[in-house]
C-alpha cells in the first residue's frame, strides 16, 4: 500500500472487558507457574512488542496497522490493553491490507503433569526412591529460547521465510534459540484468513533463568 510494507502487530492476549483482569492471569498462565513471580504473560509481551513497534515505526518503508487500544499501549500512553480474540485480530489485519501478521507470545506451563518423568515444558514430575512424586524444575534445551510458528497453509511461503530469517538473525546476537526453532502450526492454519501469519514465542517464562532476562529491558 502506497509502496509500503503493511504489518499488523498483535501483543499476546490482554485484559478481559468483563472484569479488567489479564486473560492469562484469569486462566492461571503466568511466569513462575509453580512458585515463581506470577507475572501475567501480557506484561512481558507488551514490553517486547513495544520494542518491536519502535523499531518498525522508524522504517519509512513499513506501515504498522494496529487498533487504537493497542497503539496507545505500544506508545507508552497506558500500560494495558483489552484482549482481542485471535480470529478478530486476523480479520482486522486482512481488512487493513496487512501483508504480514505478527503475534508476540511467551511460553509458559499450566498443564496437568504426568509422573515418571514425562516432560511438559518447564517442569516434570519424577518418582523418587521413597515412591513419592516430586515436581522437578527442568532448564534444559527444550524449555528455553525463541521459537517461531508459521501457518502450515502459507501458499506464498512468506511465513516460513520470515520465521527462518528471524531465527537466523537472532542467533547472530547469541539470542537463545529453542531446539525446535521454527515449524508450521496447525492452530494458526485453522483460524488464519491471512497466510503470512507469524507467532513469536520469544522465551519461556516458566524457566526462571529466562524469565529474569525477559524482565530486563536492556536485554530485550
Protein backbone atom coordinates (compact mmCIF):
# COMPACT_ATOMS: atom_id res chain seq x y z
CA UNK A 1 0.00 0.00 0.00
CA UNK A 2 1.47 3.32 -1.11
CA UNK A 3 4.67 1.35 -1.80
CA UNK A 4 4.95 0.44 1.89
CA UNK A 5 5.10 -2.98 3.58
CA UNK A 6 2.00 -3.19 5.79
CA UNK A 7 2.39 -5.14 9.05
CA UNK A 8 -0.19 -5.90 11.74
CA UNK A 9 1.25 -6.33 15.26
CA UNK A 10 -0.62 -8.31 17.90
CA UNK A 11 0.60 -8.39 21.53
CA UNK A 12 -0.43 -11.51 23.44
CA UNK A 13 -3.93 -11.77 24.87
CA UNK A 14 -4.90 -8.70 27.00
CA UNK A 15 -7.40 -7.69 29.67
CA UNK A 16 -10.89 -9.11 29.82
CA UNK A 17 -13.54 -6.45 29.21
CA UNK A 18 -15.86 -8.14 31.70
CA UNK A 19 -13.70 -7.61 34.79
CA UNK A 20 -10.43 -5.94 33.73
CA UNK A 21 -8.32 -8.98 34.66
CA UNK A 22 -5.47 -10.05 32.38
CA UNK A 23 -6.66 -13.05 30.36
CA UNK A 24 -3.61 -15.17 31.19
CA UNK A 25 -3.95 -14.30 34.89
CA UNK A 26 -7.57 -15.39 34.82
CA UNK A 27 -6.56 -18.66 33.15
CA UNK A 28 -3.67 -19.22 35.56
CA UNK A 29 -0.98 -18.77 32.93
CA UNK A 30 1.81 -16.59 34.24
CA UNK A 31 5.52 -16.63 34.91
CA UNK A 32 6.92 -18.98 37.53
CA UNK A 33 3.75 -21.02 37.37
CA UNK A 34 4.87 -23.17 40.28
CA UNK A 35 6.04 -20.80 42.99
CA UNK A 36 7.53 -18.03 40.85
CA UNK A 37 6.69 -14.35 40.49
CA UNK A 38 3.23 -14.89 38.97
CA UNK A 39 3.53 -12.10 36.40
CA UNK A 40 0.97 -12.34 33.56
CA UNK A 41 2.31 -13.18 30.11
CA UNK A 42 0.97 -9.87 28.78
CA UNK A 43 3.47 -7.87 30.86
CA UNK A 44 6.38 -9.48 29.01
CA UNK A 45 4.61 -9.45 25.65
CA UNK A 46 3.85 -5.73 25.90
CA UNK A 47 7.46 -4.89 26.76
CA UNK A 48 8.78 -6.86 23.78
CA UNK A 49 6.10 -5.65 21.37
CA UNK A 50 6.86 -2.05 22.33
CA UNK A 51 10.46 -2.54 21.28
CA UNK A 52 9.39 -4.15 18.01
CA UNK A 53 6.90 -1.35 17.33
CA UNK A 54 9.55 1.30 17.99
CA UNK A 55 11.98 -0.32 15.55
CA UNK A 56 9.44 -0.86 12.76
CA UNK A 57 7.89 2.58 13.19
CA UNK A 58 11.24 4.17 12.30
CA UNK A 59 11.36 2.45 8.90
CA UNK A 60 9.79 4.65 6.21
CA UNK A 61 9.12 1.57 4.07
CA UNK A 62 6.86 0.00 6.70
CA UNK A 63 3.33 0.90 7.71
CA UNK A 64 2.10 -0.53 11.01
CA UNK A 65 -1.61 -1.18 11.48
CA UNK A 66 -2.93 -1.83 14.99
CA UNK A 67 -6.18 -1.00 16.80
CA UNK A 68 -6.18 2.31 18.69
CA UNK A 69 -6.22 0.47 22.02
CA UNK A 70 -3.03 -1.43 21.11
CA UNK A 71 -1.34 1.67 19.73
CA UNK A 72 -1.86 3.61 22.96
CA UNK A 73 -0.18 0.80 24.90
CA UNK A 74 2.64 0.40 22.38
CA UNK A 75 3.36 4.14 22.52
CA UNK A 76 3.62 4.08 26.35
CA UNK A 77 0.41 6.09 26.84
CA UNK A 78 -1.03 3.33 29.00
CA UNK A 79 0.18 0.01 30.42
CA UNK A 80 -2.69 -2.25 29.48
CA UNK A 81 -4.85 -3.23 26.52
CA UNK A 82 -8.01 -5.23 26.01
CA UNK A 83 -7.98 -8.77 24.72
CA UNK A 84 -8.97 -9.01 21.08
CA UNK A 85 -9.72 -12.61 20.06
CA UNK A 86 -7.14 -14.00 17.66
CA UNK A 87 -9.74 -14.51 14.94
CA UNK A 88 -10.83 -10.85 15.22
CA UNK A 89 -7.22 -9.63 15.03
CA UNK A 90 -6.73 -11.66 11.86
CA UNK A 91 -9.83 -10.08 10.33
CA UNK A 92 -8.56 -6.60 11.21
CA UNK A 93 -5.19 -7.38 9.63
CA UNK A 94 -6.86 -8.65 6.49
CA UNK A 95 -9.23 -5.66 6.33
CA UNK A 96 -6.33 -3.22 6.64
CA UNK A 97 -4.32 -4.84 3.87
CA UNK A 98 -1.52 -6.21 6.03
CA UNK A 99 0.87 -8.50 4.19
CA UNK A 100 2.29 -9.85 7.45
CA UNK A 101 0.59 -10.61 10.77
CA UNK A 102 2.94 -10.79 13.79
CA UNK A 103 1.70 -12.13 17.12
CA UNK A 104 4.08 -11.93 20.09
CA UNK A 105 3.81 -14.53 22.86
CA UNK A 106 5.77 -16.18 25.65
CA UNK A 107 5.84 -19.85 26.52
CA UNK A 108 4.67 -20.94 29.95
CA UNK A 109 3.28 -24.02 31.62
CA UNK A 110 -0.13 -24.54 33.18
CA UNK A 111 -0.90 -28.14 32.44
CA UNK A 112 -1.55 -31.23 34.48
CA UNK A 113 1.62 -33.26 34.52
CA UNK A 114 2.12 -36.99 34.41
CA UNK A 115 4.56 -38.76 36.65
CA UNK A 116 7.60 -40.92 35.86
CA UNK A 117 9.47 -38.13 34.13
CA UNK A 118 7.03 -37.28 31.34
CA UNK A 119 8.13 -33.75 30.50
CA UNK A 120 5.78 -30.85 29.89
CA UNK A 121 7.79 -27.76 29.00
CA UNK A 122 9.49 -26.39 32.11
CA UNK A 123 8.60 -29.00 34.70
CA UNK A 124 8.01 -32.67 35.11
CA UNK A 125 7.01 -34.97 37.95
CA UNK A 126 9.54 -37.58 38.94
CA UNK A 127 9.07 -40.56 41.23
CA UNK A 128 11.97 -40.90 43.65
CA UNK A 129 13.18 -43.88 45.72
CA UNK A 130 10.74 -43.10 48.51
CA UNK A 131 7.91 -43.71 45.98
CA UNK A 132 6.74 -40.12 46.29
CA UNK A 133 6.18 -37.82 43.35
CA UNK A 134 8.07 -34.52 43.27
CA UNK A 135 7.83 -31.55 40.94
CA UNK A 136 11.23 -31.09 39.31
CA UNK A 137 12.41 -27.92 37.55
CA UNK A 138 13.84 -28.51 34.10
CA UNK A 139 16.10 -25.91 32.46
CA UNK A 140 17.17 -27.99 29.50
CA UNK A 141 17.25 -27.08 25.83
CA UNK A 142 13.55 -27.81 25.34
CA UNK A 143 12.49 -25.20 27.90
CA UNK A 144 14.43 -22.16 26.74
CA UNK A 145 14.92 -19.95 23.75
CA UNK A 146 12.84 -18.40 21.00
CA UNK A 147 10.55 -20.30 18.66
CA UNK A 148 8.66 -19.01 15.64
CA UNK A 149 5.45 -20.64 14.45
CA UNK A 150 4.02 -20.05 11.00
CA UNK A 151 0.89 -21.06 9.14
CA UNK A 152 1.02 -24.54 7.66
CA UNK A 153 -1.08 -23.42 4.69
CA UNK A 154 1.04 -20.49 3.51
CA UNK A 155 0.99 -20.77 -0.31
CA UNK A 156 3.49 -17.94 -0.75
CA UNK A 157 5.93 -19.31 1.82
CA UNK A 158 6.38 -15.84 3.35
CA UNK A 159 5.69 -17.04 6.88
CA UNK A 160 8.34 -19.73 6.75
CA UNK A 161 10.88 -17.35 5.21
CA UNK A 162 10.29 -14.74 7.92
CA UNK A 163 10.42 -17.41 10.64
CA UNK A 164 13.69 -18.85 9.37
CA UNK A 165 15.34 -15.48 8.80
CA UNK A 166 14.21 -14.20 12.21
CA UNK A 167 15.81 -17.13 13.97
CA UNK A 168 18.99 -16.79 11.90
CA UNK A 169 19.21 -13.09 12.73
CA UNK A 170 18.63 -13.65 16.45
CA UNK A 171 21.28 -16.37 16.59
CA UNK A 172 23.86 -13.89 15.27
CA UNK A 173 23.40 -11.95 18.50
CA UNK A 174 23.72 -15.06 20.66
CA UNK A 175 19.98 -14.95 21.41
CA UNK A 176 18.81 -18.23 22.97
CA UNK A 177 17.21 -20.39 20.28
CA UNK A 178 14.98 -23.35 21.08
CA UNK A 179 15.92 -26.78 19.79
CA UNK A 180 12.78 -26.57 17.62
CA UNK A 181 13.38 -23.06 16.25
CA UNK A 182 10.62 -22.76 13.65
CA UNK A 183 7.85 -25.02 12.46
CA UNK A 184 4.34 -24.93 10.92
CA UNK A 185 1.46 -24.68 13.34
CA UNK A 186 -1.99 -26.04 12.63
CA UNK A 187 -3.69 -23.77 15.17
CA UNK A 188 -2.69 -20.75 13.12
CA UNK A 189 -3.71 -22.50 9.92
CA UNK A 190 -7.23 -23.25 11.12
CA UNK A 191 -8.10 -19.66 12.04
CA UNK A 192 -5.95 -17.61 9.71
CA UNK A 193 -7.54 -15.69 6.86
CA UNK A 194 -4.07 -14.35 6.25
CA UNK A 195 -1.45 -16.84 5.03
CA UNK A 196 1.63 -14.93 6.22
CA UNK A 197 0.92 -15.23 9.94
CA UNK A 198 3.77 -15.42 12.44
CA UNK A 199 3.68 -16.40 16.10
CA UNK A 200 6.78 -15.36 18.04
CA UNK A 201 7.30 -17.41 21.20
CA UNK A 202 10.11 -15.20 22.46
CA UNK A 203 11.04 -17.25 25.51
CA UNK A 204 9.88 -19.46 28.35
CA UNK A 205 8.58 -17.50 31.33
CA UNK A 206 8.27 -20.80 33.20
CA UNK A 207 12.08 -21.02 33.02
CA UNK A 208 13.34 -18.92 35.94
CA UNK A 209 16.64 -18.03 34.23
CA UNK A 210 14.98 -16.88 31.04
CA UNK A 211 12.19 -15.12 32.90
CA UNK A 212 14.82 -12.97 34.62
CA UNK A 213 16.24 -11.97 31.23
CA UNK A 214 12.81 -11.14 29.86
CA UNK A 215 12.32 -8.63 32.67
CA UNK A 216 15.48 -6.80 31.61
CA UNK A 217 14.64 -4.12 29.02
CA UNK A 218 18.27 -3.74 28.01
CA UNK A 219 18.45 -7.45 27.19
CA UNK A 220 15.18 -7.26 25.23
